Amino acid sequence: MQIGDFVTFTASADRPGTLLLLDVDPTGQLAQVYPSRLVAKGDTRVTPGQPLTIPSALGANGRPLRIRVTEPAGQGLLLGLFIEGDLPQLTALMPAGIAGGPVPNAGQSLFEISQKLLRLESDPDRPVAWSATYLPYRIER
């Protein structure tokens, strides 16, 4: 990708659930791409057979959303987390402050998220099913 390009993402699932899209930028910071405070409420659910496009056509303010590729240039990673459950359970896994912008030390944050997910998965009273996928990318000037 080139700095200044606009990007979109499409996600789908075989089961209903909630999607979280994270970005590990070339400097090692972790940012939450989706959902964002610009997304209209209710848009984070994934319905089987109905692809979810990010950004959605309209934001919470009714205006079209666009994601522009910005600095820093280099190698990064997009990580998609899917949980068969509701958004409050998923957002509770995220590092403090991530909804407001990037947090440093993506590796440590991702380790902590994975540990929380593994605990939820093994909860004998109410196990949570989840999955993850990733996509490496490169931003060039």
C-alpha atoms as a PDB file:
ATOM      1  CA  MET A   1       0.000   0.000   0.000  1.00  0.00           C
ATOM      2  CA  GLN A   2       1.083   3.560  -0.539  1.00  0.00           C
ATOM      3  CA  ILE A   3       0.727   6.388   1.951  1.00  0.00           C
ATOM      4  CA  GLY A   4      -2.455   8.238   1.003  1.00  0.00           C
ATOM      5  CA  ASP A   5      -4.264   5.185  -0.405  1.00  0.00           C
ATOM      6  CA  PHE A   6      -7.757   4.393   0.834  1.00  0.00           C
ATOM      7  CA  VAL A   7      -8.432   0.832   2.024  1.00  0.00           C
ATOM      8  CA  THR A   8     -11.455  -1.309   2.802  1.00  0.00           C
ATOM      9  CA  PHE A   9     -11.743  -4.708   4.425  1.00  0.00           C
ATOM     10  CA  THR A  10     -14.389  -7.403   4.098  1.00  0.00           C
ATOM     11  CA  ALA A  11     -15.055 -10.029   6.754  1.00  0.00           C
ATOM     12  CA  SER A  12     -17.448 -12.946   6.883  1.00  0.00           C
ATOM     13  CA  ALA A  13     -18.167 -15.819   9.241  1.00  0.00           C
ATOM     14  CA  ASP A  14     -19.989 -19.132   9.353  1.00  0.00           C
ATOM     15  CA  ARG A  15     -21.515 -18.336  12.763  1.00  0.00           C
ATOM     16  CA  PRO A  16     -22.939 -15.159  14.296  1.00  0.00           C
ATOM     17  CA  GLY A  17     -20.589 -13.172  16.467  1.00  0.00           C
ATOM     18  CA  THR A  18     -18.615 -10.000  16.972  1.00  0.00           C
ATOM     19  CA  LEU A  19     -15.527  -8.846  15.094  1.00  0.00           C
ATOM     20  CA  LEU A  20     -12.580  -6.826  16.337  1.00  0.00           C
ATOM     21  CA  LEU A  21      -9.915  -5.631  13.892  1.00  0.00           C
ATOM     22  CA  LEU A  22      -6.540  -4.607  15.336  1.00  0.00           C
ATOM     23  CA  ASP A  23      -3.494  -3.073  13.675  1.00  0.00           C
ATOM     24  CA  VAL A  24       0.116  -3.589  14.720  1.00  0.00           C
ATOM     25  CA  ASP A  25       1.845  -0.719  12.940  1.00  0.00           C
ATOM     26  CA  PRO A  26       5.484  -0.700  11.774  1.00  0.00           C
ATOM     27  CA  THR A  27       6.587   0.951  15.043  1.00  0.00           C
ATOM     28  CA  GLY A  28       5.052  -1.810  17.193  1.00  0.00           C
ATOM     29  CA  GLN A  29       2.022   0.119  18.417  1.00  0.00           C
ATOM     30  CA  LEU A  30      -1.381  -1.560  18.643  1.00  0.00           C
ATOM     31  CA  ALA A  31      -4.493   0.263  17.418  1.00  0.00           C
ATOM     32  CA  GLN A  32      -8.130  -0.752  17.251  1.00  0.00           C
ATOM     33  CA  VAL A  33      -9.376  -0.280  13.678  1.00  0.00           C
ATOM     34  CA  TYR A  34     -12.833  -1.791  14.159  1.00  0.00           C
ATOM     35  CA  PRO A  35     -15.097  -1.111  15.846  1.00  0.00           C
ATOM     36  CA  SER A  36     -14.377   2.546  16.270  1.00  0.00           C
ATOM     37  CA  ARG A  37     -16.332   5.316  17.909  1.00  0.00           C
ATOM     38  CA  LEU A  38     -17.344   6.372  14.378  1.00  0.00           C
ATOM     39  CA  VAL A  39     -19.248   3.128  13.739  1.00  0.00           C
ATOM     40  CA  ALA A  40     -23.002   3.239  14.116  1.00  0.00           C
ATOM     41  CA  LYS A  41     -24.227   1.131  17.043  1.00  0.00           C
ATOM     42  CA  GLY A  42     -25.033  -2.453  16.167  1.00  0.00           C
ATOM     43  CA  ASP A  43     -22.636  -2.572  13.214  1.00  0.00           C
ATOM     44  CA  THR A  44     -20.109  -4.842  14.930  1.00  0.00           C
ATOM     45  CA  ARG A  45     -22.147  -8.032  14.635  1.00  0.00           C
ATOM     46  CA  VAL A  46     -21.255 -10.487  11.893  1.00  0.00           C
ATOM     47  CA  THR A  47     -24.206 -12.357  10.433  1.00  0.00           C
ATOM     48  CA  PRO A  48     -23.515 -15.665   8.656  1.00  0.00           C
ATOM     49  CA  GLY A  49     -23.721 -15.267   4.895  1.00  0.00           C
ATOM     50  CA  GLN A  50     -23.628 -11.456   5.034  1.00  0.00           C
ATOM     51  CA  PRO A  51     -20.168  -9.971   4.436  1.00  0.00           C
ATOM     52  CA  LEU A  52     -19.223  -7.054   6.662  1.00  0.00           C
ATOM     53  CA  THR A  53     -17.386  -4.214   4.915  1.00  0.00           C
ATOM     54  CA  ILE A  54     -15.050  -1.988   6.925  1.00  0.00           C
ATOM     55  CA  PRO A  55     -15.481   0.887   6.910  1.00  0.00           C
ATOM     56  CA  SER A  56     -19.222   0.583   6.613  1.00  0.00           C
ATOM     57  CA  ALA A  57     -20.992   2.876   4.160  1.00  0.00           C
ATOM     58  CA  LEU A  58     -21.938   5.387   6.840  1.00  0.00           C
ATOM     59  CA  GLY A  59     -20.637   6.273  10.264  1.00  0.00           C
ATOM     60  CA  ALA A  60     -22.628   7.080  13.381  1.00  0.00           C
ATOM     61  CA  ASN A  61     -22.837  10.701  12.149  1.00  0.00           C
ATOM     62  CA  GLY A  62     -24.392   9.590   8.841  1.00  0.00           C
ATOM     63  CA  ARG A  63     -21.341  10.578   6.759  1.00  0.00           C
ATOM     64  CA  PRO A  64     -19.338   8.120   4.603  1.00  0.00           C
ATOM     65  CA  LEU A  65     -16.323   6.623   6.344  1.00  0.00           C
ATOM     66  CA  ARG A  66     -12.928   6.156   4.712  1.00  0.00           C
ATOM     67  CA  ILE A  67      -9.679   4.661   5.969  1.00  0.00           C
ATOM     68  CA  ARG A  68      -6.589   6.414   4.604  1.00  0.00           C
ATOM     69  CA  VAL A  69      -3.148   4.768   4.786  1.00  0.00           C
ATOM     70  CA  THR A  70      -0.832   6.990   6.834  1.00  0.00           C
ATOM     71  CA  GLU A  71       2.709   6.993   8.208  1.00  0.00           C
ATOM     72  CA  PRO A  72       4.697   5.199   9.422  1.00  0.00           C
ATOM     73  CA  ALA A  73       5.937   3.293   6.402  1.00  0.00           C
ATOM     74  CA  GLY A  74       7.100  -0.290   6.860  1.00  0.00           C
ATOM     75  CA  GLN A  75       5.810  -3.759   7.686  1.00  0.00           C
ATOM     76  CA  GLY A  76       2.646  -4.105   9.779  1.00  0.00           C
ATOM     77  CA  LEU A  77       0.023  -6.682  10.666  1.00  0.00           C
ATOM     78  CA  LEU A  78      -3.776  -6.664  10.769  1.00  0.00           C
ATOM     79  CA  LEU A  79      -5.308  -9.043  13.282  1.00  0.00           C
ATOM     80  CA  GLY A  80      -8.963 -10.058  13.220  1.00  0.00           C
ATOM     81  CA  LEU A  81     -10.518 -11.473  16.402  1.00  0.00           C
ATOM     82  CA  PHE A  82     -13.946 -13.097  16.206  1.00  0.00           C
ATOM     83  CA  ILE A  83     -15.918 -14.105  19.261  1.00  0.00           C
ATOM     84  CA  GLU A  84     -19.226 -15.925  19.279  1.00  0.00           C
ATOM     85  CA  GLY A  85     -20.774 -13.455  21.632  1.00  0.00           C
ATOM     86  CA  ASP A  86     -21.505  -9.815  22.214  1.00  0.00           C
ATOM     87  CA  LEU A  87     -19.280  -6.772  21.919  1.00  0.00           C
ATOM     88  CA  PRO A  88     -19.081  -5.959  25.665  1.00  0.00           C
ATOM     89  CA  GLN A  89     -17.337  -9.270  26.273  1.00  0.00           C
ATOM     90  CA  LEU A  90     -14.871  -8.614  23.469  1.00  0.00           C
ATOM     91  CA  THR A  91     -14.039  -5.015  24.355  1.00  0.00           C
ATOM     92  CA  ALA A  92     -13.339  -6.058  27.955  1.00  0.00           C
ATOM     93  CA  LEU A  93     -10.331  -7.926  26.583  1.00  0.00           C
ATOM     94  CA  MET A  94      -8.702  -4.829  25.110  1.00  0.00           C
ATOM     95  CA  PRO A  95      -5.924  -2.778  26.728  1.00  0.00           C
ATOM     96  CA  ALA A  96      -7.020   0.347  28.587  1.00  0.00           C
ATOM     97  CA  GLY A  97      -7.158   3.399  26.350  1.00  0.00           C
ATOM     98  CA  ILE A  98      -7.019   1.578  23.004  1.00  0.00           C
ATOM     99  CA  ALA A  99     -10.376   2.979  21.884  1.00  0.00           C
ATOM    100  CA  GLY A 100      -8.807   6.459  22.040  1.00  0.00           C
ATOM    101  CA  GLY A 101      -5.742   5.661  19.938  1.00  0.00           C
ATOM    102  CA  PRO A 102      -2.717   3.407  19.629  1.00  0.00           C
ATOM    103  CA  VAL A 103      -1.069   1.851  22.677  1.00  0.00           C
ATOM    104  CA  PRO A 104       2.645   0.997  22.840  1.00  0.00           C
ATOM    105  CA  ASN A 105       4.096  -2.511  23.009  1.00  0.00           C
ATOM    106  CA  ALA A 106       1.723  -4.444  20.764  1.00  0.00           C
ATOM    107  CA  GLY A 107       3.445  -7.735  21.592  1.00  0.00           C
ATOM    108  CA  GLN A 108       2.683  -7.466  25.308  1.00  0.00           C
ATOM    109  CA  SER A 109      -0.885  -6.304  24.653  1.00  0.00           C
ATOM    110  CA  LEU A 110      -1.554  -9.188  22.256  1.00  0.00           C
ATOM    111  CA  PHE A 111      -0.123 -11.672  24.759  1.00  0.00           C
ATOM    112  CA  GLU A 112      -2.470 -10.333  27.463  1.00  0.00           C
ATOM    113  CA  ILE A 113      -5.461 -10.470  25.095  1.00  0.00           C
ATOM    114  CA  SER A 114      -4.640 -14.081  24.185  1.00  0.00           C
ATOM    115  CA  GLN A 115      -4.381 -15.074  27.855  1.00  0.00           C
ATOM    116  CA  LYS A 116      -7.800 -13.552  28.585  1.00  0.00           C
ATOM    117  CA  LEU A 117      -9.297 -15.345  25.578  1.00  0.00           C
ATOM    118  CA  LEU A 118      -7.834 -18.671  26.695  1.00  0.00           C
ATOM    119  CA  ARG A 119      -9.324 -18.195  30.183  1.00  0.00           C
ATOM    120  CA  LEU A 120     -12.738 -17.417  28.675  1.00  0.00           C
ATOM    121  CA  GLU A 121     -12.477 -20.420  26.380  1.00  0.00           C
ATOM    122  CA  SER A 122     -11.823 -22.775  29.290  1.00  0.00           C
ATOM    123  CA  ASP A 123     -14.507 -21.340  31.620  1.00  0.00           C
ATOM    124  CA  PRO A 124     -16.488 -24.454  32.680  1.00  0.00           C
ATOM    125  CA  ASP A 125     -19.655 -22.441  33.371  1.00  0.00           C
ATOM    126  CA  ARG A 126     -19.801 -20.481  30.131  1.00  0.00           C
ATOM    127  CA  PRO A 127     -17.045 -21.247  27.617  1.00  0.00           C
ATOM    128  CA  VAL A 128     -16.479 -18.725  24.844  1.00  0.00           C
ATOM    129  CA  ALA A 129     -15.675 -19.781  21.290  1.00  0.00           C
ATOM    130  CA  TRP A 130     -13.291 -17.495  19.424  1.00  0.00           C
ATOM    131  CA  SER A 131     -10.906 -17.458  16.487  1.00  0.00           C
ATOM    132  CA  ALA A 132      -8.240 -15.200  15.048  1.00  0.00           C
ATOM    133  CA  THR A 133      -6.670 -14.500  11.695  1.00  0.00           C
ATOM    134  CA  TYR A 134      -3.984 -12.122  10.514  1.00  0.00           C
ATOM    135  CA  LEU A 135      -2.837 -10.343   7.387  1.00  0.00           C
ATOM    136  CA  PRO A 136       0.679  -8.928   7.034  1.00  0.00           C
ATOM    137  CA  TYR A 137       0.967  -5.697   5.053  1.00  0.00           C
ATOM    138  CA  ARG A 138       3.588  -3.219   3.902  1.00  0.00           C
ATOM    139  CA  ILE A 139       3.196   0.562   3.642  1.00  0.00           C
ATOM    140  CA  GLU A 140       5.483   2.344   1.218  1.00  0.00           C
ATOM    141  CA  ARG A 141       6.126   6.002   0.546  1.00  0.00           C
END
